[in-house]
Amino acid sequence: MPDRPEIVCICGSTRFVNEMSAANRDLTFAGAIVLAPGVFLRAEDREADGSITAEQKTALDALHLRKIDLADRVLVVNPGGYIGESTSKEIAYARATGKPVSFTDPS
């Protein structure tokens, strides 16, 4: 038995908030420590009311890479095989740092 629970970082488009929440729940019930996006604003929300600035987006992206650093592995939540630009960068980063990457749906 490991001396600590597995740490899993969830990545994926924040448009899939429900699917990410379900993955978080399932992993938590399985005994994992889950690191996931903390802000779920869709692109159209940002455009409509400017509720997130470019600087905030950059900071959130950098913070998520630090979550990947802490994780033992990455789970990409990608319903229908969808992987956007930010998620592609996160996958590349995870692989470059030697983190195993798995997907909820085949790409």
PDB file of N, CA and C in Angstrom:
ATOM      1  N   MET A   1       0.842  -1.184   0.000  1.00  0.00           N
ATOM      2  CA  MET A   1       0.000   0.000   0.000  1.00  0.00           C
ATOM      3  C   MET A   1       0.888   1.248   0.000  1.00  0.00           C
ATOM      4  N   PRO A   2       0.586   2.208  -0.880  1.00  0.00           N
ATOM      5  CA  PRO A   2       1.407   3.415  -0.940  1.00  0.00           C
ATOM      6  C   PRO A   2       1.283   4.232   0.350  1.00  0.00           C
ATOM      7  N   ASP A   3       2.309   5.053   0.619  1.00  0.00           N
ATOM      8  CA  ASP A   3       2.285   5.847   1.841  1.00  0.00           C
ATOM      9  C   ASP A   3       1.395   7.077   1.735  1.00  0.00           C
ATOM     10  N   ARG A   4       0.908   7.351   0.541  1.00  0.00           N
ATOM     11  CA  ARG A   4      -0.029   8.465   0.362  1.00  0.00           C
ATOM     12  C   ARG A   4      -0.933   8.162  -0.817  1.00  0.00           C
ATOM     13  N   PRO A   5      -2.089   8.801  -0.881  1.00  0.00           N
ATOM     14  CA  PRO A   5      -2.985   8.592  -2.025  1.00  0.00           C
ATOM     15  C   PRO A   5      -2.362   9.127  -3.319  1.00  0.00           C
ATOM     16  N   GLU A   6      -2.787   8.577  -4.427  1.00  0.00           N
ATOM     17  CA  GLU A   6      -2.375   9.076  -5.733  1.00  0.00           C
ATOM     18  C   GLU A   6      -2.925  10.491  -5.916  1.00  0.00           C
ATOM     19  N   ILE A   7      -2.127  11.354  -6.544  1.00  0.00           N
ATOM     20  CA  ILE A   7      -2.558  12.716  -6.850  1.00  0.00           C
ATOM     21  C   ILE A   7      -2.814  12.790  -8.352  1.00  0.00           C
ATOM     22  N   VAL A   8      -4.035  13.175  -8.720  1.00  0.00           N
ATOM     23  CA  VAL A   8      -4.442  13.244 -10.124  1.00  0.00           C
ATOM     24  C   VAL A   8      -4.838  14.677 -10.458  1.00  0.00           C
ATOM     25  N   CYS A   9      -4.280  15.204 -11.533  1.00  0.00           N
ATOM     26  CA  CYS A   9      -4.659  16.531 -12.012  1.00  0.00           C
ATOM     27  C   CYS A   9      -5.620  16.372 -13.186  1.00  0.00           C
ATOM     28  N   ILE A  10      -6.786  16.975 -13.058  1.00  0.00           N
ATOM     29  CA  ILE A  10      -7.773  16.958 -14.137  1.00  0.00           C
ATOM     30  C   ILE A  10      -7.510  18.136 -15.065  1.00  0.00           C
ATOM     31  N   CYS A  11      -7.448  17.851 -16.354  1.00  0.00           N
ATOM     32  CA  CYS A  11      -7.308  18.877 -17.379  1.00  0.00           C
ATOM     33  C   CYS A  11      -8.463  18.745 -18.360  1.00  0.00           C
ATOM     34  N   GLY A  12      -8.736  19.809 -19.095  1.00  0.00           N
ATOM     35  CA  GLY A  12      -9.777  19.781 -20.110  1.00  0.00           C
ATOM     36  C   GLY A  12     -10.429  21.141 -20.240  1.00  0.00           C
ATOM     37  N   SER A  13     -11.259  21.264 -21.233  1.00  0.00           N
ATOM     38  CA  SER A  13     -11.976  22.513 -21.462  1.00  0.00           C
ATOM     39  C   SER A  13     -12.946  22.769 -20.319  1.00  0.00           C
ATOM     40  N   THR A  14     -12.967  24.008 -19.834  1.00  0.00           N
ATOM     41  CA  THR A  14     -13.881  24.330 -18.742  1.00  0.00           C
ATOM     42  C   THR A  14     -15.341  24.324 -19.187  1.00  0.00           C
ATOM     43  N   ARG A  15     -15.587  24.146 -20.487  1.00  0.00           N
ATOM     44  CA  ARG A  15     -16.980  23.980 -20.933  1.00  0.00           C
ATOM     45  C   ARG A  15     -17.548  22.658 -20.431  1.00  0.00           C
ATOM     46  N   PHE A  16     -16.661  21.750 -20.007  1.00  0.00           N
ATOM     47  CA  PHE A  16     -17.086  20.437 -19.525  1.00  0.00           C
ATOM     48  C   PHE A  16     -17.109  20.388 -17.997  1.00  0.00           C
ATOM     49  N   VAL A  17     -17.611  21.433 -17.380  1.00  0.00           N
ATOM     50  CA  VAL A  17     -17.628  21.523 -15.922  1.00  0.00           C
ATOM     51  C   VAL A  17     -18.359  20.338 -15.293  1.00  0.00           C
ATOM     52  N   ASN A  18     -19.461  19.906 -15.851  1.00  0.00           N
ATOM     53  CA  ASN A  18     -20.204  18.772 -15.275  1.00  0.00           C
ATOM     54  C   ASN A  18     -19.406  17.482 -15.358  1.00  0.00           C
ATOM     55  N   GLU A  19     -18.753  17.267 -16.492  1.00  0.00           N
ATOM     56  CA  GLU A  19     -17.957  16.059 -16.669  1.00  0.00           C
ATOM     57  C   GLU A  19     -16.718  16.075 -15.761  1.00  0.00           C
ATOM     58  N   MET A  20     -16.120  17.267 -15.596  1.00  0.00           N
ATOM     59  CA  MET A  20     -14.967  17.380 -14.698  1.00  0.00           C
ATOM     60  C   MET A  20     -15.388  17.125 -13.258  1.00  0.00           C
ATOM     61  N   SER A  21     -16.545  17.639 -12.887  1.00  0.00           N
ATOM     62  CA  SER A  21     -17.055  17.423 -11.540  1.00  0.00           C
ATOM     63  C   SER A  21     -17.293  15.939 -11.285  1.00  0.00           C
ATOM     64  N   ALA A  22     -17.844  15.244 -12.277  1.00  0.00           N
ATOM     65  CA  ALA A  22     -18.083  13.801 -12.139  1.00  0.00           C
ATOM     66  C   ALA A  22     -16.762  13.042 -12.011  1.00  0.00           C
ATOM     67  N   ALA A  23     -15.763  13.411 -12.814  1.00  0.00           N
ATOM     68  CA  ALA A  23     -14.451  12.762 -12.740  1.00  0.00           C
ATOM     69  C   ALA A  23     -13.820  13.027 -11.373  1.00  0.00           C
ATOM     70  N   ASN A  24     -13.949  14.257 -10.891  1.00  0.00           N
ATOM     71  CA  ASN A  24     -13.408  14.618  -9.583  1.00  0.00           C
ATOM     72  C   ASN A  24     -14.050  13.761  -8.501  1.00  0.00           C
ATOM     73  N   ARG A  25     -15.361  13.640  -8.548  1.00  0.00           N
ATOM     74  CA  ARG A  25     -16.098  12.833  -7.572  1.00  0.00           C
ATOM     75  C   ARG A  25     -15.638  11.372  -7.622  1.00  0.00           C
ATOM     76  N   ASP A  26     -15.573  10.800  -8.837  1.00  0.00           N
ATOM     77  CA  ASP A  26     -15.201   9.391  -8.983  1.00  0.00           C
ATOM     78  C   ASP A  26     -13.789   9.131  -8.470  1.00  0.00           C
ATOM     79  N   LEU A  27     -12.863  10.031  -8.813  1.00  0.00           N
ATOM     80  CA  LEU A  27     -11.480   9.874  -8.351  1.00  0.00           C
ATOM     81  C   LEU A  27     -11.382  10.018  -6.840  1.00  0.00           C
ATOM     82  N   THR A  28     -12.117  10.961  -6.282  1.00  0.00           N
ATOM     83  CA  THR A  28     -12.102  11.168  -4.836  1.00  0.00           C
ATOM     84  C   THR A  28     -12.648   9.938  -4.113  1.00  0.00           C
ATOM     85  N   PHE A  29     -13.762   9.378  -4.597  1.00  0.00           N
ATOM     86  CA  PHE A  29     -14.304   8.163  -3.990  1.00  0.00           C
ATOM     87  C   PHE A  29     -13.344   6.988  -4.133  1.00  0.00           C
ATOM     88  N   ALA A  30     -12.507   7.011  -5.168  1.00  0.00           N
ATOM     89  CA  ALA A  30     -11.520   5.954  -5.369  1.00  0.00           C
ATOM     90  C   ALA A  30     -10.275   6.168  -4.499  1.00  0.00           C
ATOM     91  N   GLY A  31     -10.262   7.279  -3.738  1.00  0.00           N
ATOM     92  CA  GLY A  31      -9.164   7.508  -2.806  1.00  0.00           C
ATOM     93  C   GLY A  31      -8.061   8.412  -3.307  1.00  0.00           C
ATOM     94  N   ALA A  32      -8.266   9.074  -4.435  1.00  0.00           N
ATOM     95  CA  ALA A  32      -7.238   9.963  -4.992  1.00  0.00           C
ATOM     96  C   ALA A  32      -7.388  11.383  -4.443  1.00  0.00           C
ATOM     97  N   ILE A  33      -6.274  12.087  -4.422  1.00  0.00           N
ATOM     98  CA  ILE A  33      -6.279  13.524  -4.190  1.00  0.00           C
ATOM     99  C   ILE A  33      -6.414  14.161  -5.575  1.00  0.00           C
ATOM    100  N   VAL A  34      -7.398  15.032  -5.753  1.00  0.00           N
ATOM    101  CA  VAL A  34      -7.690  15.579  -7.073  1.00  0.00           C
ATOM    102  C   VAL A  34      -7.340  17.064  -7.127  1.00  0.00           C
ATOM    103  N   LEU A  35      -6.586  17.420  -8.150  1.00  0.00           N
ATOM    104  CA  LEU A  35      -6.271  18.814  -8.457  1.00  0.00           C
ATOM    105  C   LEU A  35      -7.011  19.149  -9.747  1.00  0.00           C
ATOM    106  N   ALA A  36      -7.795  20.206  -9.727  1.00  0.00           N
ATOM    107  CA  ALA A  36      -8.640  20.527 -10.887  1.00  0.00           C
ATOM    108  C   ALA A  36      -8.714  22.036 -11.065  1.00  0.00           C
ATOM    109  N   PRO A  37      -9.188  22.476 -12.232  1.00  0.00           N
ATOM    110  CA  PRO A  37      -9.376  23.915 -12.419  1.00  0.00           C
ATOM    111  C   PRO A  37     -10.274  24.473 -11.314  1.00  0.00           C
ATOM    112  N   GLY A  38      -9.945  25.666 -10.860  1.00  0.00           N
ATOM    113  CA  GLY A  38     -10.727  26.288  -9.807  1.00  0.00           C
ATOM    114  C   GLY A  38     -11.705  27.329 -10.323  1.00  0.00           C
ATOM    115  N   VAL A  39     -11.572  27.691 -11.599  1.00  0.00           N
ATOM    116  CA  VAL A  39     -12.437  28.700 -12.207  1.00  0.00           C
ATOM    117  C   VAL A  39     -13.012  28.108 -13.481  1.00  0.00           C
ATOM    118  N   PHE A  40     -14.330  28.181 -13.625  1.00  0.00           N
ATOM    119  CA  PHE A  40     -15.010  27.615 -14.785  1.00  0.00           C
ATOM    120  C   PHE A  40     -15.786  28.693 -15.518  1.00  0.00           C
ATOM    121  N   LEU A  41     -15.063  29.553 -16.217  1.00  0.00           N
ATOM    122  CA  LEU A  41     -15.704  30.578 -17.041  1.00  0.00           C
ATOM    123  C   LEU A  41     -15.577  30.189 -18.501  1.00  0.00           C
ATOM    124  N   ARG A  42     -16.683  30.188 -19.179  1.00  0.00           N
ATOM    125  CA  ARG A  42     -16.668  29.889 -20.609  1.00  0.00           C
ATOM    126  C   ARG A  42     -16.174  31.107 -21.369  1.00  0.00           C
ATOM    127  N   ALA A  43     -15.625  30.870 -22.556  1.00  0.00           N
ATOM    128  CA  ALA A  43     -15.097  31.971 -23.379  1.00  0.00           C
ATOM    129  C   ALA A  43     -16.158  33.027 -23.638  1.00  0.00           C
ATOM    130  N   GLU A  44     -17.388  32.603 -23.893  1.00  0.00           N
ATOM    131  CA  GLU A  44     -18.436  33.581 -24.189  1.00  0.00           C
ATOM    132  C   GLU A  44     -18.763  34.447 -22.973  1.00  0.00           C
ATOM    133  N   ASP A  45     -18.579  33.913 -21.763  1.00  0.00           N
ATOM    134  CA  ASP A  45     -18.778  34.714 -20.561  1.00  0.00           C
ATOM    135  C   ASP A  45     -17.717  35.805 -20.464  1.00  0.00           C
ATOM    136  N   ARG A  46     -16.471  35.437 -20.761  1.00  0.00           N
ATOM    137  CA  ARG A  46     -15.384  36.420 -20.705  1.00  0.00           C
ATOM    138  C   ARG A  46     -15.622  37.529 -21.714  1.00  0.00           C
ATOM    139  N   GLU A  47     -16.079  37.161 -22.905  1.00  0.00           N
ATOM    140  CA  GLU A  47     -16.316  38.161 -23.946  1.00  0.00           C
ATOM    141  C   GLU A  47     -17.506  39.051 -23.594  1.00  0.00           C
ATOM    142  N   ALA A  48     -18.518  38.487 -22.968  1.00  0.00           N
ATOM    143  CA  ALA A  48     -19.745  39.233 -22.685  1.00  0.00           C
ATOM    144  C   ALA A  48     -19.551  40.284 -21.606  1.00  0.00           C
ATOM    145  N   ASP A  49     -18.893  39.917 -20.505  1.00  0.00           N
ATOM    146  CA  ASP A  49     -18.816  40.879 -19.412  1.00  0.00           C
ATOM    147  C   ASP A  49     -17.409  41.168 -18.918  1.00  0.00           C
ATOM    148  N   GLY A  50     -16.417  40.614 -19.587  1.00  0.00           N
ATOM    149  CA  GLY A  50     -15.043  40.887 -19.193  1.00  0.00           C
ATOM    150  C   GLY A  50     -14.722  40.450 -17.775  1.00  0.00           C
ATOM    151  N   SER A  51     -15.374  39.409 -17.288  1.00  0.00           N
ATOM    152  CA  SER A  51     -15.209  39.003 -15.900  1.00  0.00           C
ATOM    153  C   SER A  51     -13.843  38.392 -15.603  1.00  0.00           C
ATOM    154  N   ILE A  52     -13.074  38.073 -16.627  1.00  0.00           N
ATOM    155  CA  ILE A  52     -11.717  37.580 -16.417  1.00  0.00           C
ATOM    156  C   ILE A  52     -10.806  38.314 -17.399  1.00  0.00           C
ATOM    157  N   THR A  53      -9.726  38.826 -16.883  1.00  0.00           N
ATOM    158  CA  THR A  53      -8.804  39.591 -17.718  1.00  0.00           C
ATOM    159  C   THR A  53      -7.784  38.666 -18.356  1.00  0.00           C
ATOM    160  N   ALA A  54      -7.078  39.186 -19.333  1.00  0.00           N
ATOM    161  CA  ALA A  54      -6.010  38.419 -19.976  1.00  0.00           C
ATOM    162  C   ALA A  54      -4.938  38.046 -18.951  1.00  0.00           C
ATOM    163  N   GLU A  55      -4.659  38.963 -18.042  1.00  0.00           N
ATOM    164  CA  GLU A  55      -3.662  38.687 -17.003  1.00  0.00           C
ATOM    165  C   GLU A  55      -4.126  37.566 -16.074  1.00  0.00           C
ATOM    166  N   GLN A  56      -5.397  37.586 -15.722  1.00  0.00           N
ATOM    167  CA  GLN A  56      -5.935  36.517 -14.881  1.00  0.00           C
ATOM    168  C   GLN A  56      -5.886  35.178 -15.601  1.00  0.00           C
ATOM    169  N   LYS A  57      -6.217  35.162 -16.879  1.00  0.00           N
ATOM    170  CA  LYS A  57      -6.167  33.927 -17.663  1.00  0.00           C
ATOM    171  C   LYS A  57      -4.744  33.380 -17.688  1.00  0.00           C
ATOM    172  N   THR A  58      -3.778  34.254 -17.909  1.00  0.00           N
ATOM    173  CA  THR A  58      -2.371  33.838 -17.919  1.00  0.00           C
ATOM    174  C   THR A  58      -1.975  33.260 -16.564  1.00  0.00           C
ATOM    175  N   ALA A  59      -2.399  33.928 -15.484  1.00  0.00           N
ATOM    176  CA  ALA A  59      -2.073  33.448 -14.143  1.00  0.00           C
ATOM    177  C   ALA A  59      -2.730  32.103 -13.855  1.00  0.00           C
ATOM    178  N   LEU A  60      -3.987  31.935 -14.273  1.00  0.00           N
ATOM    179  CA  LEU A  60      -4.681  30.656 -14.068  1.00  0.00           C
ATOM    180  C   LEU A  60      -4.010  29.537 -14.854  1.00  0.00           C
ATOM    181  N   ASP A  61      -3.582  29.829 -16.078  1.00  0.00           N
ATOM    182  CA  ASP A  61      -2.890  28.829 -16.890  1.00  0.00           C
ATOM    183  C   ASP A  61      -1.590  28.396 -16.219  1.00  0.00           C
ATOM    184  N   ALA A  62      -0.830  29.358 -15.699  1.00  0.00           N
ATOM    185  CA  ALA A  62       0.428  29.041 -15.020  1.00  0.00           C
ATOM    186  C   ALA A  62       0.167  28.236 -13.747  1.00  0.00           C
ATOM    187  N   LEU A  63      -0.869  28.605 -13.010  1.00  0.00           N
ATOM    188  CA  LEU A  63      -1.224  27.879 -11.798  1.00  0.00           C
ATOM    189  C   LEU A  63      -1.571  26.429 -12.117  1.00  0.00           C
ATOM    190  N   HIS A  64      -2.275  26.213 -13.220  1.00  0.00           N
ATOM    191  CA  HIS A  64      -2.652  24.839 -13.573  1.00  0.00           C
ATOM    192  C   HIS A  64      -1.414  24.001 -13.917  1.00  0.00           C
ATOM    193  N   LEU A  65      -0.421  24.611 -14.519  1.00  0.00           N
ATOM    194  CA  LEU A  65       0.828  23.877 -14.784  1.00  0.00           C
ATOM    195  C   LEU A  65       1.494  23.469 -13.479  1.00  0.00           C
ATOM    196  N   ARG A  66       1.409  24.297 -12.444  1.00  0.00           N
ATOM    197  CA  ARG A  66       1.971  23.931 -11.137  1.00  0.00           C
ATOM    198  C   ARG A  66       1.194  22.757 -10.551  1.00  0.00           C
ATOM    199  N   LYS A  67      -0.110  22.700 -10.805  1.00  0.00           N
ATOM    200  CA  LYS A  67      -0.908  21.559 -10.347  1.00  0.00           C
ATOM    201  C   LYS A  67      -0.433  20.286 -11.042  1.00  0.00           C
ATOM    202  N   ILE A  68      -0.127  20.390 -12.327  1.00  0.00           N
ATOM    203  CA  ILE A  68       0.414  19.237 -13.051  1.00  0.00           C
ATOM    204  C   ILE A  68       1.734  18.798 -12.416  1.00  0.00           C
ATOM    205  N   ASP A  69       2.573  19.775 -12.032  1.00  0.00           N
ATOM    206  CA  ASP A  69       3.840  19.454 -11.370  1.00  0.00           C
ATOM    207  C   ASP A  69       3.628  18.630 -10.106  1.00  0.00           C
ATOM    208  N   LEU A  70       2.581  18.930  -9.358  1.00  0.00           N
ATOM    209  CA  LEU A  70       2.303  18.234  -8.099  1.00  0.00           C
ATOM    210  C   LEU A  70       1.707  16.842  -8.292  1.00  0.00           C
ATOM    211  N   ALA A  71       1.124  16.611  -9.454  1.00  0.00           N
ATOM    212  CA  ALA A  71       0.366  15.376  -9.693  1.00  0.00           C
ATOM    213  C   ALA A  71       1.262  14.184 -10.009  1.00  0.00           C
ATOM    214  N   ASP A  72       0.716  12.997  -9.727  1.00  0.00           N
ATOM    215  CA  ASP A  72       1.347  11.750 -10.151  1.00  0.00           C
ATOM    216  C   ASP A  72       0.977  11.427 -11.589  1.00  0.00           C
ATOM    217  N   ARG A  73      -0.227  11.848 -11.978  1.00  0.00           N
ATOM    218  CA  ARG A  73      -0.692  11.620 -13.346  1.00  0.00           C
ATOM    219  C   ARG A  73      -1.746  12.660 -13.697  1.00  0.00           C
ATOM    220  N   VAL A  74      -2.050  12.734 -15.005  1.00  0.00           N
ATOM    221  CA  VAL A  74      -3.031  13.687 -15.522  1.00  0.00           C
ATOM    222  C   VAL A  74      -4.178  12.911 -16.160  1.00  0.00           C
ATOM    223  N   LEU A  75      -5.396  13.343 -15.865  1.00  0.00           N
ATOM    224  CA  LEU A  75      -6.582  12.808 -16.536  1.00  0.00           C
ATOM    225  C   LEU A  75      -7.195  13.938 -17.353  1.00  0.00           C
ATOM    226  N   VAL A  76      -7.277  13.734 -18.659  1.00  0.00           N
ATOM    227  CA  VAL A  76      -7.882  14.724 -19.553  1.00  0.00           C
ATOM    228  C   VAL A  76      -9.353  14.363 -19.731  1.00  0.00           C
ATOM    229  N   VAL A  77     -10.214  15.295 -19.352  1.00  0.00           N
ATOM    230  CA  VAL A  77     -11.654  15.129 -19.542  1.00  0.00           C
ATOM    231  C   VAL A  77     -11.967  15.705 -20.916  1.00  0.00           C
ATOM    232  N   ASN A  78     -12.282  14.821 -21.855  1.00  0.00           N
ATOM    233  CA  ASN A  78     -12.449  15.246 -23.255  1.00  0.00           C
ATOM    234  C   ASN A  78     -13.644  14.570 -23.923  1.00  0.00           C
ATOM    235  N   PRO A  79     -14.865  14.899 -23.486  1.00  0.00           N
ATOM    236  CA  PRO A  79     -16.046  14.296 -24.106  1.00  0.00           C
ATOM    237  C   PRO A  79     -16.037  14.454 -25.627  1.00  0.00           C
ATOM    238  N   GLY A  80     -16.362  13.370 -26.313  1.00  0.00           N
ATOM    239  CA  GLY A  80     -16.364  13.388 -27.775  1.00  0.00           C
ATOM    240  C   GLY A  80     -14.987  13.507 -28.380  1.00  0.00           C
ATOM    241  N   GLY A  81     -13.944  13.384 -27.556  1.00  0.00           N
ATOM    242  CA  GLY A  81     -12.577  13.500 -28.048  1.00  0.00           C
ATOM    243  C   GLY A  81     -12.077  14.932 -28.172  1.00  0.00           C
ATOM    244  N   TYR A  82     -12.873  15.914 -27.700  1.00  0.00           N
ATOM    245  CA  TYR A  82     -12.490  17.325 -27.858  1.00  0.00           C
ATOM    246  C   TYR A  82     -11.301  17.698 -26.980  1.00  0.00           C
ATOM    247  N   ILE A  83     -10.302  18.302 -27.597  1.00  0.00           N
ATOM    248  CA  ILE A  83      -9.144  18.841 -26.887  1.00  0.00           C
ATOM    249  C   ILE A  83      -8.843  20.203 -27.489  1.00  0.00           C
ATOM    250  N   GLY A  84      -8.987  21.250 -26.690  1.00  0.00           N
ATOM    251  CA  GLY A  84      -8.738  22.609 -27.146  1.00  0.00           C
ATOM    252  C   GLY A  84      -7.271  22.989 -27.044  1.00  0.00           C
ATOM    253  N   GLU A  85      -6.997  24.235 -27.389  1.00  0.00           N
ATOM    254  CA  GLU A  85      -5.624  24.730 -27.429  1.00  0.00           C
ATOM    255  C   GLU A  85      -4.953  24.702 -26.050  1.00  0.00           C
ATOM    256  N   SER A  86      -5.628  25.200 -25.034  1.00  0.00           N
ATOM    257  CA  SER A  86      -5.039  25.219 -23.688  1.00  0.00           C
ATOM    258  C   SER A  86      -4.780  23.803 -23.180  1.00  0.00           C
ATOM    259  N   THR A  87      -5.739  22.930 -23.407  1.00  0.00           N
ATOM    260  CA  THR A  87      -5.579  21.545 -22.961  1.00  0.00           C
ATOM    261  C   THR A  87      -4.442  20.868 -23.713  1.00  0.00           C
ATOM    262  N   SER A  88      -4.298  21.149 -24.993  1.00  0.00           N
ATOM    263  CA  SER A  88      -3.179  20.592 -25.767  1.00  0.00           C
ATOM    264  C   SER A  88      -1.844  21.008 -25.169  1.00  0.00           C
ATOM    265  N   LYS A  89      -1.757  22.270 -24.750  1.00  0.00           N
ATOM    266  CA  LYS A  89      -0.525  22.757 -24.118  1.00  0.00           C
ATOM    267  C   LYS A  89      -0.279  22.052 -22.787  1.00  0.00           C
ATOM    268  N   GLU A  90      -1.340  21.829 -22.033  1.00  0.00           N
ATOM    269  CA  GLU A  90      -1.198  21.138 -20.753  1.00  0.00           C
ATOM    270  C   GLU A  90      -0.754  19.690 -20.954  1.00  0.00           C
ATOM    271  N   ILE A  91      -1.295  19.022 -21.959  1.00  0.00           N
ATOM    272  CA  ILE A  91      -0.895  17.648 -22.264  1.00  0.00           C
ATOM    273  C   ILE A  91       0.575  17.606 -22.643  1.00  0.00           C
ATOM    274  N   ALA A  92       1.004  18.523 -23.501  1.00  0.00           N
ATOM    275  CA  ALA A  92       2.407  18.577 -23.919  1.00  0.00           C
ATOM    276  C   ALA A  92       3.317  18.823 -22.711  1.00  0.00           C
ATOM    277  N   TYR A  93       2.902  19.722 -21.830  1.00  0.00           N
ATOM    278  CA  TYR A  93       3.684  20.016 -20.634  1.00  0.00           C
ATOM    279  C   TYR A  93       3.785  18.779 -19.745  1.00  0.00           C
ATOM    280  N   ALA A  94       2.649  18.123 -19.519  1.00  0.00           N
ATOM    281  CA  ALA A  94       2.644  16.930 -18.667  1.00  0.00           C
ATOM    282  C   ALA A  94       3.567  15.857 -19.236  1.00  0.00           C
ATOM    283  N   ARG A  95       3.479  15.621 -20.512  1.00  0.00           N
ATOM    284  CA  ARG A  95       4.324  14.599 -21.137  1.00  0.00           C
ATOM    285  C   ARG A  95       5.795  14.988 -21.072  1.00  0.00           C
ATOM    286  N   ALA A  96       6.092  16.276 -21.271  1.00  0.00           N
ATOM    287  CA  ALA A  96       7.481  16.740 -21.228  1.00  0.00           C
ATOM    288  C   ALA A  96       8.078  16.575 -19.831  1.00  0.00           C
ATOM    289  N   THR A  97       7.232  16.611 -18.810  1.00  0.00           N
ATOM    290  CA  THR A  97       7.715  16.449 -17.445  1.00  0.00           C
ATOM    291  C   THR A  97       7.585  15.002 -16.956  1.00  0.00           C
ATOM    292  N   GLY A  98       7.208  14.108 -17.868  1.00  0.00           N
ATOM    293  CA  GLY A  98       7.172  12.686 -17.546  1.00  0.00           C
ATOM    294  C   GLY A  98       5.926  12.203 -16.841  1.00  0.00           C
ATOM    295  N   LYS A  99       4.867  13.009 -16.856  1.00  0.00           N
ATOM    296  CA  LYS A  99       3.626  12.587 -16.202  1.00  0.00           C
ATOM    297  C   LYS A  99       2.818  11.686 -17.134  1.00  0.00           C
ATOM    298  N   PRO A 100       2.296  10.573 -16.643  1.00  0.00           N
ATOM    299  CA  PRO A 100       1.396   9.771 -17.452  1.00  0.00           C
ATOM    300  C   PRO A 100       0.109  10.571 -17.722  1.00  0.00           C
ATOM    301  N   VAL A 101      -0.404  10.456 -18.938  1.00  0.00           N
ATOM    302  CA  VAL A 101      -1.611  11.166 -19.343  1.00  0.00           C
ATOM    303  C   VAL A 101      -2.633  10.146 -19.841  1.00  0.00           C
ATOM    304  N   SER A 102      -3.860  10.222 -19.313  1.00  0.00           N
ATOM    305  CA  SER A 102      -4.938   9.382 -19.814  1.00  0.00           C
ATOM    306  C   SER A 102      -6.127  10.268 -20.160  1.00  0.00           C
ATOM    307  N   PHE A 103      -7.087   9.697 -20.880  1.00  0.00           N
ATOM    308  CA  PHE A 103      -8.209  10.455 -21.414  1.00  0.00           C
ATOM    309  C   PHE A 103      -9.523   9.760 -21.048  1.00  0.00           C
ATOM    310  N   THR A 104     -10.563  10.564 -20.844  1.00  0.00           N
ATOM    311  CA  THR A 104     -11.869   9.972 -20.570  1.00  0.00           C
ATOM    312  C   THR A 104     -12.499   9.420 -21.839  1.00  0.00           C
ATOM    313  N   ASP A 105     -12.202  10.029 -22.980  1.00  0.00           N
ATOM    314  CA  ASP A 105     -12.738   9.593 -24.274  1.00  0.00           C
ATOM    315  C   ASP A 105     -11.582   9.419 -25.251  1.00  0.00           C
ATOM    316  N   PRO A 106     -11.683   8.446 -26.155  1.00  0.00           N
ATOM    317  CA  PRO A 106     -10.622   8.283 -27.162  1.00  0.00           C
ATOM    318  C   PRO A 106     -10.533   9.526 -28.037  1.00  0.00           C
ATOM    319  N   SER A 107      -9.327   9.905 -28.368  1.00  0.00           N
ATOM    320  CA  SER A 107      -9.123  11.087 -29.227  1.00  0.00           C
ATOM    321  C   SER A 107      -9.318  10.757 -30.678  1.00  0.00           C
TER     322      SER A 107
END
